[in-house]
């Protein structure tokens, strides 16, 4: 459990600078991560569930970054698509 908590803290530290450039999708990702971390801390989310949820968030973040890199910004369609993931 301590190892998992260390991973969570390290992830938060790494992604904290990205929050400075937050838009609506990034804000949503941040809120989801906070809920996941709370669940891990209080024991309502198992390590297996954490890994699954963390991978999903990573995939959403990667899709957001790909969309931004390909055109410089997200279209309304891309925003809706990412918000519904």
PDB file of N, CA and C in Angstrom:
ATOM      1  N   UNK A   1       0.824  -1.195   0.000  1.00  0.00           N
ATOM      2  CA  UNK A   1       0.000   0.000   0.000  1.00  0.00           C
ATOM      3  C   UNK A   1       0.870   1.262   0.000  1.00  0.00           C
ATOM      4  N   UNK A   2       1.978   1.237   0.772  1.00  0.00           N
ATOM      5  CA  UNK A   2       2.866   2.400   0.799  1.00  0.00           C
ATOM      6  C   UNK A   2       3.498   2.647  -0.562  1.00  0.00           C
ATOM      7  N   UNK A   3       3.846   1.569  -1.254  1.00  0.00           N
ATOM      8  CA  UNK A   3       4.429   1.706  -2.590  1.00  0.00           C
ATOM      9  C   UNK A   3       3.422   2.357  -3.535  1.00  0.00           C
ATOM     10  N   UNK A   4       2.165   1.926  -3.455  1.00  0.00           N
ATOM     11  CA  UNK A   4       1.108   2.486  -4.292  1.00  0.00           C
ATOM     12  C   UNK A   4       0.917   3.969  -3.991  1.00  0.00           C
ATOM     13  N   UNK A   5       0.924   4.318  -2.708  1.00  0.00           N
ATOM     14  CA  UNK A   5       0.764   5.719  -2.334  1.00  0.00           C
ATOM     15  C   UNK A   5       1.933   6.543  -2.869  1.00  0.00           C
ATOM     16  N   UNK A   6       3.143   5.990  -2.824  1.00  0.00           N
ATOM     17  CA  UNK A   6       4.309   6.685  -3.366  1.00  0.00           C
ATOM     18  C   UNK A   6       4.178   6.935  -4.854  1.00  0.00           C
ATOM     19  N   UNK A   7       3.641   5.946  -5.559  1.00  0.00           N
ATOM     20  CA  UNK A   7       3.423   6.096  -6.997  1.00  0.00           C
ATOM     21  C   UNK A   7       2.409   7.205  -7.260  1.00  0.00           C
ATOM     22  N   UNK A   8       1.370   7.235  -6.460  1.00  0.00           N
ATOM     23  CA  UNK A   8       0.335   8.256  -6.623  1.00  0.00           C
ATOM     24  C   UNK A   8       0.920   9.646  -6.406  1.00  0.00           C
ATOM     25  N   UNK A   9       1.695   9.800  -5.355  1.00  0.00           N
ATOM     26  CA  UNK A   9       2.295  11.102  -5.059  1.00  0.00           C
ATOM     27  C   UNK A   9       3.247  11.511  -6.187  1.00  0.00           C
ATOM     28  N   UNK A  10       4.060  10.570  -6.657  1.00  0.00           N
ATOM     29  CA  UNK A  10       4.990  10.879  -7.748  1.00  0.00           C
ATOM     30  C   UNK A  10       4.244  11.301  -9.005  1.00  0.00           C
ATOM     31  N   UNK A  11       3.145  10.618  -9.303  1.00  0.00           N
ATOM     32  CA  UNK A  11       2.334  10.968 -10.470  1.00  0.00           C
ATOM     33  C   UNK A  11       1.769  12.375 -10.323  1.00  0.00           C
ATOM     34  N   UNK A  12       1.290  12.693  -9.136  1.00  0.00           N
ATOM     35  CA  UNK A  12       0.726  14.022  -8.899  1.00  0.00           C
ATOM     36  C   UNK A  12       1.786  15.107  -9.076  1.00  0.00           C
ATOM     37  N   UNK A  13       2.990  14.852  -8.593  1.00  0.00           N
ATOM     38  CA  UNK A  13       4.075  15.828  -8.711  1.00  0.00           C
ATOM     39  C   UNK A  13       4.460  16.031 -10.176  1.00  0.00           C
ATOM     40  N   UNK A  14       4.483  14.949 -10.926  1.00  0.00           N
ATOM     41  CA  UNK A  14       4.859  15.037 -12.338  1.00  0.00           C
ATOM     42  C   UNK A  14       3.828  15.829 -13.134  1.00  0.00           C
ATOM     43  N   UNK A  15       2.545  15.591 -12.849  1.00  0.00           N
ATOM     44  CA  UNK A  15       1.500  16.219 -13.645  1.00  0.00           C
ATOM     45  C   UNK A  15       1.035  17.567 -13.106  1.00  0.00           C
ATOM     46  N   UNK A  16       1.541  17.994 -11.973  1.00  0.00           N
ATOM     47  CA  UNK A  16       1.135  19.282 -11.413  1.00  0.00           C
ATOM     48  C   UNK A  16       1.412  20.448 -12.359  1.00  0.00           C
ATOM     49  N   UNK A  17       2.572  20.508 -13.023  1.00  0.00           N
ATOM     50  CA  UNK A  17       2.804  21.627 -13.950  1.00  0.00           C
ATOM     51  C   UNK A  17       1.812  21.665 -15.106  1.00  0.00           C
ATOM     52  N   UNK A  18       1.308  20.515 -15.510  1.00  0.00           N
ATOM     53  CA  UNK A  18       0.334  20.499 -16.597  1.00  0.00           C
ATOM     54  C   UNK A  18      -0.971  21.179 -16.191  1.00  0.00           C
ATOM     55  N   UNK A  19      -1.269  21.163 -14.907  1.00  0.00           N
ATOM     56  CA  UNK A  19      -2.504  21.779 -14.436  1.00  0.00           C
ATOM     57  C   UNK A  19      -2.489  23.290 -14.642  1.00  0.00           C
ATOM     58  N   UNK A  20      -1.306  23.878 -14.716  1.00  0.00           N
ATOM     59  CA  UNK A  20      -1.210  25.320 -14.941  1.00  0.00           C
ATOM     60  C   UNK A  20      -1.764  25.703 -16.302  1.00  0.00           C
ATOM     61  N   UNK A  21      -1.766  24.768 -17.247  1.00  0.00           N
ATOM     62  CA  UNK A  21      -2.281  25.026 -18.585  1.00  0.00           C
ATOM     63  C   UNK A  21      -3.671  24.416 -18.737  1.00  0.00           C
ATOM     64  N   UNK A  22      -4.379  24.320 -17.655  1.00  0.00           N
ATOM     65  CA  UNK A  22      -5.627  23.564 -17.633  1.00  0.00           C
ATOM     66  C   UNK A  22      -6.725  24.214 -18.461  1.00  0.00           C
ATOM     67  N   UNK A  23      -7.421  23.365 -19.173  1.00  0.00           N
ATOM     68  CA  UNK A  23      -8.639  23.719 -19.859  1.00  0.00           C
ATOM     69  C   UNK A  23      -9.734  22.848 -19.275  1.00  0.00           C
ATOM     70  N   UNK A  24     -10.923  22.877 -19.852  1.00  0.00           N
ATOM     71  CA  UNK A  24     -12.024  22.096 -19.286  1.00  0.00           C
ATOM     72  C   UNK A  24     -11.731  20.601 -19.214  1.00  0.00           C
ATOM     73  N   UNK A  25     -11.082  20.052 -20.218  1.00  0.00           N
ATOM     74  CA  UNK A  25     -10.793  18.614 -20.200  1.00  0.00           C
ATOM     75  C   UNK A  25      -9.747  18.309 -19.141  1.00  0.00           C
ATOM     76  N   UNK A  26      -8.699  19.123 -19.073  1.00  0.00           N
ATOM     77  CA  UNK A  26      -7.662  18.891 -18.066  1.00  0.00           C
ATOM     78  C   UNK A  26      -8.240  19.051 -16.667  1.00  0.00           C
ATOM     79  N   UNK A  27      -9.132  20.015 -16.473  1.00  0.00           N
ATOM     80  CA  UNK A  27      -9.769  20.180 -15.168  1.00  0.00           C
ATOM     81  C   UNK A  27     -10.551  18.931 -14.785  1.00  0.00           C
ATOM     82  N   UNK A  28     -11.239  18.361 -15.755  1.00  0.00           N
ATOM     83  CA  UNK A  28     -12.000  17.143 -15.484  1.00  0.00           C
ATOM     84  C   UNK A  28     -11.066  15.987 -15.121  1.00  0.00           C
ATOM     85  N   UNK A  29      -9.974  15.850 -15.853  1.00  0.00           N
ATOM     86  CA  UNK A  29      -8.992  14.803 -15.551  1.00  0.00           C
ATOM     87  C   UNK A  29      -8.446  14.995 -14.138  1.00  0.00           C
ATOM     88  N   UNK A  30      -8.126  16.235 -13.784  1.00  0.00           N
ATOM     89  CA  UNK A  30      -7.604  16.519 -12.445  1.00  0.00           C
ATOM     90  C   UNK A  30      -8.604  16.121 -11.364  1.00  0.00           C
ATOM     91  N   UNK A  31      -9.878  16.471 -11.573  1.00  0.00           N
ATOM     92  CA  UNK A  31     -10.902  16.106 -10.587  1.00  0.00           C
ATOM     93  C   UNK A  31     -11.043  14.592 -10.473  1.00  0.00           C
ATOM     94  N   UNK A  32     -10.993  13.892 -11.602  1.00  0.00           N
ATOM     95  CA  UNK A  32     -11.090  12.432 -11.570  1.00  0.00           C
ATOM     96  C   UNK A  32      -9.902  11.828 -10.826  1.00  0.00           C
ATOM     97  N   UNK A  33      -8.712  12.341 -11.076  1.00  0.00           N
ATOM     98  CA  UNK A  33      -7.532  11.833 -10.379  1.00  0.00           C
ATOM     99  C   UNK A  33      -7.646  12.060  -8.878  1.00  0.00           C
ATOM    100  N   UNK A  34      -8.147  13.226  -8.474  1.00  0.00           N
ATOM    101  CA  UNK A  34      -8.318  13.500  -7.048  1.00  0.00           C
ATOM    102  C   UNK A  34      -9.286  12.510  -6.415  1.00  0.00           C
ATOM    103  N   UNK A  35     -10.385  12.204  -7.107  1.00  0.00           N
ATOM    104  CA  UNK A  35     -11.342  11.226  -6.573  1.00  0.00           C
ATOM    105  C   UNK A  35     -10.709   9.844  -6.472  1.00  0.00           C
ATOM    106  N   UNK A  36      -9.920   9.487  -7.468  1.00  0.00           N
ATOM    107  CA  UNK A  36      -9.246   8.183  -7.438  1.00  0.00           C
ATOM    108  C   UNK A  36      -8.270   8.129  -6.266  1.00  0.00           C
ATOM    109  N   UNK A  37      -7.473   9.170  -6.075  1.00  0.00           N
ATOM    110  CA  UNK A  37      -6.497   9.189  -4.984  1.00  0.00           C
ATOM    111  C   UNK A  37      -7.194   9.096  -3.628  1.00  0.00           C
ATOM    112  N   UNK A  38      -8.325   9.799  -3.490  1.00  0.00           N
ATOM    113  CA  UNK A  38      -9.088   9.695  -2.245  1.00  0.00           C
ATOM    114  C   UNK A  38      -9.552   8.264  -2.020  1.00  0.00           C
ATOM    115  N   UNK A  39     -10.018   7.624  -3.088  1.00  0.00           N
ATOM    116  CA  UNK A  39     -10.472   6.243  -2.985  1.00  0.00           C
ATOM    117  C   UNK A  39      -9.360   5.293  -2.598  1.00  0.00           C
ATOM    118  N   UNK A  40      -8.170   5.523  -3.121  1.00  0.00           N
ATOM    119  CA  UNK A  40      -7.026   4.678  -2.760  1.00  0.00           C
ATOM    120  C   UNK A  40      -6.667   4.897  -1.297  1.00  0.00           C
ATOM    121  N   UNK A  41      -6.636   6.157  -0.880  1.00  0.00           N
ATOM    122  CA  UNK A  41      -6.277   6.465   0.511  1.00  0.00           C
ATOM    123  C   UNK A  41      -7.268   5.870   1.500  1.00  0.00           C
ATOM    124  N   UNK A  42      -8.573   5.934   1.180  1.00  0.00           N
ATOM    125  CA  UNK A  42      -9.549   5.425   2.147  1.00  0.00           C
ATOM    126  C   UNK A  42      -9.861   3.943   1.948  1.00  0.00           C
ATOM    127  N   UNK A  43      -9.232   3.322   0.952  1.00  0.00           N
ATOM    128  CA  UNK A  43      -9.365   1.883   0.772  1.00  0.00           C
ATOM    129  C   UNK A  43     -10.545   1.440  -0.067  1.00  0.00           C
ATOM    130  N   UNK A  44     -11.306   2.371  -0.622  1.00  0.00           N
ATOM    131  CA  UNK A  44     -12.468   1.979  -1.422  1.00  0.00           C
ATOM    132  C   UNK A  44     -12.085   1.585  -2.850  1.00  0.00           C
ATOM    133  N   UNK A  45     -10.843   1.872  -3.250  1.00  0.00           N
ATOM    134  CA  UNK A  45     -10.345   1.469  -4.566  1.00  0.00           C
ATOM    135  C   UNK A  45      -9.140   0.555  -4.348  1.00  0.00           C
ATOM    136  N   UNK A  46      -9.201  -0.624  -4.927  1.00  0.00           N
ATOM    137  CA  UNK A  46      -8.115  -1.599  -4.786  1.00  0.00           C
ATOM    138  C   UNK A  46      -6.954  -1.220  -5.707  1.00  0.00           C
ATOM    139  N   UNK A  47      -5.781  -1.795  -5.475  1.00  0.00           N
ATOM    140  CA  UNK A  47      -4.648  -1.529  -6.373  1.00  0.00           C
ATOM    141  C   UNK A  47      -4.961  -1.906  -7.824  1.00  0.00           C
ATOM    142  N   UNK A  48      -5.688  -2.983  -8.016  1.00  0.00           N
ATOM    143  CA  UNK A  48      -6.051  -3.399  -9.373  1.00  0.00           C
ATOM    144  C   UNK A  48      -6.967  -2.362 -10.032  1.00  0.00           C
ATOM    145  N   UNK A  49      -7.970  -1.894  -9.277  1.00  0.00           N
ATOM    146  CA  UNK A  49      -8.868  -0.864  -9.812  1.00  0.00           C
ATOM    147  C   UNK A  49      -8.095   0.416 -10.108  1.00  0.00           C
ATOM    148  N   UNK A  50      -7.149   0.749  -9.215  1.00  0.00           N
ATOM    149  CA  UNK A  50      -6.349   1.951  -9.426  1.00  0.00           C
ATOM    150  C   UNK A  50      -5.588   1.867 -10.749  1.00  0.00           C
ATOM    151  N   UNK A  51      -4.932   0.723 -11.003  1.00  0.00           N
ATOM    152  CA  UNK A  51      -4.174   0.568 -12.244  1.00  0.00           C
ATOM    153  C   UNK A  51      -5.078   0.737 -13.461  1.00  0.00           C
ATOM    154  N   UNK A  52      -6.267   0.144 -13.394  1.00  0.00           N
ATOM    155  CA  UNK A  52      -7.213   0.249 -14.511  1.00  0.00           C
ATOM    156  C   UNK A  52      -7.623   1.709 -14.738  1.00  0.00           C
ATOM    157  N   UNK A  53      -8.011   2.387 -13.678  1.00  0.00           N
ATOM    158  CA  UNK A  53      -8.448   3.783 -13.795  1.00  0.00           C
ATOM    159  C   UNK A  53      -7.301   4.689 -14.242  1.00  0.00           C
ATOM    160  N   UNK A  54      -6.115   4.426 -13.721  1.00  0.00           N
ATOM    161  CA  UNK A  54      -4.957   5.237 -14.092  1.00  0.00           C
ATOM    162  C   UNK A  54      -4.641   5.082 -15.581  1.00  0.00           C
ATOM    163  N   UNK A  55      -4.736   3.860 -16.101  1.00  0.00           N
ATOM    164  CA  UNK A  55      -4.510   3.638 -17.535  1.00  0.00           C
ATOM    165  C   UNK A  55      -5.541   4.380 -18.372  1.00  0.00           C
ATOM    166  N   UNK A  56      -6.794   4.365 -17.924  1.00  0.00           N
ATOM    167  CA  UNK A  56      -7.842   5.070 -18.679  1.00  0.00           C
ATOM    168  C   UNK A  56      -7.554   6.566 -18.728  1.00  0.00           C
ATOM    169  N   UNK A  57      -7.174   7.134 -17.601  1.00  0.00           N
ATOM    170  CA  UNK A  57      -6.857   8.564 -17.564  1.00  0.00           C
ATOM    171  C   UNK A  57      -5.645   8.855 -18.445  1.00  0.00           C
ATOM    172  N   UNK A  58      -4.641   7.989 -18.393  1.00  0.00           N
ATOM    173  CA  UNK A  58      -3.464   8.173 -19.253  1.00  0.00           C
ATOM    174  C   UNK A  58      -3.855   8.156 -20.726  1.00  0.00           C
ATOM    175  N   UNK A  59      -4.755   7.260 -21.104  1.00  0.00           N
ATOM    176  CA  UNK A  59      -5.207   7.186 -22.499  1.00  0.00           C
ATOM    177  C   UNK A  59      -5.947   8.454 -22.916  1.00  0.00           C
ATOM    178  N   UNK A  60      -6.773   8.978 -22.031  1.00  0.00           N
ATOM    179  CA  UNK A  60      -7.505  10.215 -22.328  1.00  0.00           C
ATOM    180  C   UNK A  60      -6.521  11.373 -22.483  1.00  0.00           C
ATOM    181  N   UNK A  61      -5.566  11.446 -21.562  1.00  0.00           N
ATOM    182  CA  UNK A  61      -4.561  12.515 -21.628  1.00  0.00           C
ATOM    183  C   UNK A  61      -3.743  12.411 -22.915  1.00  0.00           C
ATOM    184  N   UNK A  62      -3.361  11.203 -23.301  1.00  0.00           N
ATOM    185  CA  UNK A  62      -2.591  11.009 -24.535  1.00  0.00           C
ATOM    186  C   UNK A  62      -3.410  11.426 -25.753  1.00  0.00           C
ATOM    187  N   UNK A  63      -4.693  11.087 -25.765  1.00  0.00           N
ATOM    188  CA  UNK A  63      -5.558  11.479 -26.885  1.00  0.00           C
ATOM    189  C   UNK A  63      -5.693  12.995 -26.950  1.00  0.00           C
ATOM    190  N   UNK A  64      -5.804  13.632 -25.792  1.00  0.00           N
ATOM    191  CA  UNK A  64      -5.908  15.095 -25.740  1.00  0.00           C
ATOM    192  C   UNK A  64      -4.635  15.728 -26.303  1.00  0.00           C
ATOM    193  N   UNK A  65      -3.489  15.228 -25.891  1.00  0.00           N
ATOM    194  CA  UNK A  65      -2.222  15.790 -26.368  1.00  0.00           C
ATOM    195  C   UNK A  65      -2.029  15.548 -27.861  1.00  0.00           C
ATOM    196  N   UNK A  66      -2.411  14.372 -28.350  1.00  0.00           N
ATOM    197  CA  UNK A  66      -2.312  14.098 -29.793  1.00  0.00           C
ATOM    198  C   UNK A  66      -3.182  15.064 -30.584  1.00  0.00           C
ATOM    199  N   UNK A  67      -4.391  15.295 -30.099  1.00  0.00           N
ATOM    200  CA  UNK A  67      -5.304  16.198 -30.802  1.00  0.00           C
ATOM    201  C   UNK A  67      -4.747  17.619 -30.825  1.00  0.00           C
ATOM    202  N   UNK A  68      -4.177  18.050 -29.718  1.00  0.00           N
ATOM    203  CA  UNK A  68      -3.604  19.395 -29.654  1.00  0.00           C
ATOM    204  C   UNK A  68      -2.406  19.509 -30.587  1.00  0.00           C
ATOM    205  N   UNK A  69      -1.543  18.498 -30.581  1.00  0.00           N
ATOM    206  CA  UNK A  69      -0.345  18.533 -31.434  1.00  0.00           C
ATOM    207  C   UNK A  69      -0.693  18.508 -32.913  1.00  0.00           C
ATOM    208  N   UNK A  70      -1.753  17.814 -33.264  1.00  0.00           N
ATOM    209  CA  UNK A  70      -2.083  17.675 -34.681  1.00  0.00           C
ATOM    210  C   UNK A  70      -2.637  18.960 -35.280  1.00  0.00           C
ATOM    211  N   UNK A  71      -3.299  19.766 -34.478  1.00  0.00           N
ATOM    212  CA  UNK A  71      -3.874  20.972 -35.046  1.00  0.00           C
ATOM    213  C   UNK A  71      -3.647  22.216 -34.220  1.00  0.00           C
ATOM    214  N   UNK A  72      -2.969  22.092 -33.107  1.00  0.00           N
ATOM    215  CA  UNK A  72      -2.704  23.253 -32.283  1.00  0.00           C
ATOM    216  C   UNK A  72      -3.752  23.517 -31.224  1.00  0.00           C
ATOM    217  N   UNK A  73      -4.961  23.003 -31.427  1.00  0.00           N
ATOM    218  CA  UNK A  73      -6.002  23.145 -30.411  1.00  0.00           C
ATOM    219  C   UNK A  73      -7.071  22.091 -30.660  1.00  0.00           C
ATOM    220  N   UNK A  74      -7.935  21.941 -29.686  1.00  0.00           N
ATOM    221  CA  UNK A  74      -9.005  20.953 -29.802  1.00  0.00           C
ATOM    222  C   UNK A  74     -10.219  21.562 -30.484  1.00  0.00           C
ATOM    223  N   UNK A  75     -10.809  20.806 -31.389  1.00  0.00           N
ATOM    224  CA  UNK A  75     -12.074  21.232 -31.982  1.00  0.00           C
ATOM    225  C   UNK A  75     -13.192  20.902 -31.001  1.00  0.00           C
ATOM    226  N   UNK A  76     -14.371  21.440 -31.245  1.00  0.00           N
ATOM    227  CA  UNK A  76     -15.525  21.131 -30.387  1.00  0.00           C
ATOM    228  C   UNK A  76     -15.808  19.628 -30.400  1.00  0.00           C
ATOM    229  N   UNK A  77     -15.675  19.008 -31.579  1.00  0.00           N
ATOM    230  CA  UNK A  77     -15.894  17.562 -31.684  1.00  0.00           C
ATOM    231  C   UNK A  77     -14.900  16.798 -30.806  1.00  0.00           C
ATOM    232  N   UNK A  78     -13.613  17.182 -30.851  1.00  0.00           N
ATOM    233  CA  UNK A  78     -12.594  16.505 -30.051  1.00  0.00           C
ATOM    234  C   UNK A  78     -12.849  16.712 -28.559  1.00  0.00           C
ATOM    235  N   UNK A  79     -13.281  17.917 -28.188  1.00  0.00           N
ATOM    236  CA  UNK A  79     -13.595  18.184 -26.783  1.00  0.00           C
ATOM    237  C   UNK A  79     -14.730  17.291 -26.305  1.00  0.00           C
ATOM    238  N   UNK A  80     -15.807  17.201 -27.105  1.00  0.00           N
ATOM    239  CA  UNK A  80     -16.945  16.353 -26.727  1.00  0.00           C
ATOM    240  C   UNK A  80     -16.520  14.897 -26.617  1.00  0.00           C
ATOM    241  N   UNK A  81     -15.725  14.450 -27.576  1.00  0.00           N
ATOM    242  CA  UNK A  81     -15.273  13.053 -27.592  1.00  0.00           C
ATOM    243  C   UNK A  81     -14.448  12.727 -26.340  1.00  0.00           C
ATOM    244  N   UNK A  82     -13.552  13.609 -25.963  1.00  0.00           N
ATOM    245  CA  UNK A  82     -12.733  13.372 -24.777  1.00  0.00           C
ATOM    246  C   UNK A  82     -13.549  13.477 -23.497  1.00  0.00           C
ATOM    247  N   UNK A  83     -14.515  14.367 -23.468  1.00  0.00           N
ATOM    248  CA  UNK A  83     -15.350  14.512 -22.278  1.00  0.00           C
ATOM    249  C   UNK A  83     -16.240  13.304 -22.036  1.00  0.00           C
ATOM    250  N   UNK A  84     -16.546  12.568 -23.077  1.00  0.00           N
ATOM    251  CA  UNK A  84     -17.430  11.410 -22.925  1.00  0.00           C
ATOM    252  C   UNK A  84     -16.676  10.114 -22.684  1.00  0.00           C
ATOM    253  N   UNK A  85     -15.355  10.165 -22.602  1.00  0.00           N
ATOM    254  CA  UNK A  85     -14.560   8.954 -22.353  1.00  0.00           C
ATOM    255  C   UNK A  85     -14.604   8.557 -20.924  1.00  0.00           C
TER     256      UNK A  85
END
